[in-house]
Amino acid sequence: MLLNHPGQSGFSEYDLFTFFKHPSIKSMTIVTNKGQVKFITKSDRFQGKIVSKFCAKFFTHINIINDSHIEKLLKKLYSINMIKYKVR
């Protein structure tokens, strides 16, 4: 799935919800208006139920989710080998 995001914005909460919920979506790519490319891909170890529980716990005490929260979540999911995450 390819998305165009204005400016330098990253993945949104809705982007991640869509990506994690649908098994048919293997990769999601953002191309910003300034040409930056960000992509996430489900690894072979990706498990939707585990990721859903992890996200729910991660966002429990956050009132307004911003780009830095999303970035931390993606880096954590990358560190436990659930996703591949790159910014170019």
C-alpha atoms as a PDB file:
ATOM      1  CA  MET A   1       0.000   0.000   0.000  1.00  0.00           C
ATOM      2  CA  LEU A   2       1.429   3.396  -1.020  1.00  0.00           C
ATOM      3  CA  LEU A   3       0.412   6.621   0.731  1.00  0.00           C
ATOM      4  CA  ASN A   4       1.219  10.271   0.064  1.00  0.00           C
ATOM      5  CA  HIS A   5       1.646  12.331   3.236  1.00  0.00           C
ATOM      6  CA  PRO A   6       1.984  16.127   3.295  1.00  0.00           C
ATOM      7  CA  GLY A   7       5.244  17.680   4.428  1.00  0.00           C
ATOM      8  CA  GLN A   8       7.423  15.300   6.414  1.00  0.00           C
ATOM      9  CA  SER A   9       4.689  13.543   8.397  1.00  0.00           C
ATOM     10  CA  GLY A  10       5.052   9.892   9.269  1.00  0.00           C
ATOM     11  CA  PHE A  11       2.644   7.019   9.681  1.00  0.00           C
ATOM     12  CA  SER A  12      -0.573   7.931  11.456  1.00  0.00           C
ATOM     13  CA  GLU A  13      -2.388   5.935  14.100  1.00  0.00           C
ATOM     14  CA  TYR A  14      -5.014   5.066  11.465  1.00  0.00           C
ATOM     15  CA  ASP A  15      -2.304   3.934   9.011  1.00  0.00           C
ATOM     16  CA  LEU A  16      -0.941   1.522  11.609  1.00  0.00           C
ATOM     17  CA  PHE A  17      -4.392   0.273  12.592  1.00  0.00           C
ATOM     18  CA  THR A  18      -5.124  -0.504   8.934  1.00  0.00           C
ATOM     19  CA  PHE A  19      -1.715  -2.107   8.391  1.00  0.00           C
ATOM     20  CA  PHE A  20      -1.891  -4.341  11.463  1.00  0.00           C
ATOM     21  CA  LYS A  21      -5.552  -5.313  11.059  1.00  0.00           C
ATOM     22  CA  HIS A  22      -5.462  -6.541   7.456  1.00  0.00           C
ATOM     23  CA  PRO A  23      -3.406  -9.683   6.795  1.00  0.00           C
ATOM     24  CA  SER A  24      -3.494  -8.954   3.057  1.00  0.00           C
ATOM     25  CA  ILE A  25      -1.416  -5.783   3.545  1.00  0.00           C
ATOM     26  CA  LYS A  26       2.200  -6.943   3.744  1.00  0.00           C
ATOM     27  CA  SER A  27       3.908  -3.545   3.306  1.00  0.00           C
ATOM     28  CA  MET A  28       2.980   0.109   3.644  1.00  0.00           C
ATOM     29  CA  THR A  29       5.025   2.934   2.134  1.00  0.00           C
ATOM     30  CA  ILE A  30       4.793   6.698   2.601  1.00  0.00           C
ATOM     31  CA  VAL A  31       6.266   9.181   0.157  1.00  0.00           C
ATOM     32  CA  THR A  32       6.306  12.708   1.572  1.00  0.00           C
ATOM     33  CA  ASN A  33       6.000  15.847  -0.536  1.00  0.00           C
ATOM     34  CA  LYS A  34       9.713  16.421   0.068  1.00  0.00           C
ATOM     35  CA  GLY A  35      10.638  13.021  -1.352  1.00  0.00           C
ATOM     36  CA  GLN A  36      11.336  11.152   1.880  1.00  0.00           C
ATOM     37  CA  VAL A  37      10.288   7.490   1.759  1.00  0.00           C
ATOM     38  CA  LYS A  38       9.249   5.537   4.874  1.00  0.00           C
ATOM     39  CA  PHE A  39       8.156   1.931   4.795  1.00  0.00           C
ATOM     40  CA  ILE A  40       7.083  -0.837   7.102  1.00  0.00           C
ATOM     41  CA  THR A  41       6.822  -4.514   6.213  1.00  0.00           C
ATOM     42  CA  LYS A  42       5.448  -7.371   8.276  1.00  0.00           C
ATOM     43  CA  SER A  43       8.227  -9.816   9.087  1.00  0.00           C
ATOM     44  CA  ASP A  44       7.824 -13.571   8.910  1.00  0.00           C
ATOM     45  CA  ARG A  45       7.464 -13.474  12.718  1.00  0.00           C
ATOM     46  CA  PHE A  46       4.585 -10.949  12.628  1.00  0.00           C
ATOM     47  CA  GLN A  47       1.622 -12.022  14.792  1.00  0.00           C
ATOM     48  CA  GLY A  48      -1.399  -9.728  14.602  1.00  0.00           C
ATOM     49  CA  LYS A  49      -2.829 -10.627  18.012  1.00  0.00           C
ATOM     50  CA  ILE A  50       0.467 -10.031  19.778  1.00  0.00           C
ATOM     51  CA  VAL A  51       0.967  -6.702  17.988  1.00  0.00           C
ATOM     52  CA  SER A  52      -2.600  -5.603  18.818  1.00  0.00           C
ATOM     53  CA  LYS A  53      -2.094  -6.327  22.521  1.00  0.00           C
ATOM     54  CA  PHE A  54       1.298  -4.643  22.456  1.00  0.00           C
ATOM     55  CA  CYS A  55      -0.145  -1.495  20.812  1.00  0.00           C
ATOM     56  CA  ALA A  56      -3.045  -1.345  23.266  1.00  0.00           C
ATOM     57  CA  LYS A  57      -0.631  -1.516  26.199  1.00  0.00           C
ATOM     58  CA  PHE A  58       1.759   0.973  24.577  1.00  0.00           C
ATOM     59  CA  PHE A  59      -0.938   3.621  24.018  1.00  0.00           C
ATOM     60  CA  THR A  60      -2.915   3.088  27.268  1.00  0.00           C
ATOM     61  CA  HIS A  61      -1.692   6.192  29.105  1.00  0.00           C
ATOM     62  CA  ILE A  62      -1.302   8.489  26.096  1.00  0.00           C
ATOM     63  CA  ASN A  63      -4.094  11.027  25.577  1.00  0.00           C
ATOM     64  CA  ILE A  64      -2.965  12.479  22.249  1.00  0.00           C
ATOM     65  CA  ILE A  65      -0.852  10.257  20.007  1.00  0.00           C
ATOM     66  CA  ASN A  66       1.787  12.175  18.059  1.00  0.00           C
ATOM     67  CA  ASP A  67       4.538  11.313  15.561  1.00  0.00           C
ATOM     68  CA  SER A  68       7.107  10.646  18.296  1.00  0.00           C
ATOM     69  CA  HIS A  69       4.824   8.050  19.930  1.00  0.00           C
ATOM     70  CA  ILE A  70       4.299   6.317  16.573  1.00  0.00           C
ATOM     71  CA  GLU A  71       8.050   6.400  15.922  1.00  0.00           C
ATOM     72  CA  LYS A  72       8.797   4.796  19.322  1.00  0.00           C
ATOM     73  CA  LEU A  73       6.202   2.095  18.685  1.00  0.00           C
ATOM     74  CA  LEU A  74       7.622   1.288  15.242  1.00  0.00           C
ATOM     75  CA  LYS A  75      11.163   1.106  16.623  1.00  0.00           C
ATOM     76  CA  LYS A  76      10.008  -1.213  19.415  1.00  0.00           C
ATOM     77  CA  LEU A  77       8.153  -3.500  16.989  1.00  0.00           C
ATOM     78  CA  TYR A  78      11.271  -3.500  14.812  1.00  0.00           C
ATOM     79  CA  SER A  79      13.452  -4.422  17.809  1.00  0.00           C
ATOM     80  CA  ILE A  80      11.308  -7.490  18.567  1.00  0.00           C
ATOM     81  CA  ASN A  81      11.355  -8.479  14.867  1.00  0.00           C
ATOM     82  CA  MET A  82       7.625  -8.070  14.194  1.00  0.00           C
ATOM     83  CA  ILE A  83       8.205  -5.540  11.402  1.00  0.00           C
ATOM     84  CA  LYS A  84      10.903  -4.158   9.153  1.00  0.00           C
ATOM     85  CA  TYR A  85      11.056  -0.358   9.268  1.00  0.00           C
ATOM     86  CA  LYS A  86      13.142   1.952   7.091  1.00  0.00           C
ATOM     87  CA  VAL A  87      13.359   5.666   6.390  1.00  0.00           C
ATOM     88  CA  ARG A  88      15.184   6.860   3.256  1.00  0.00           C
END
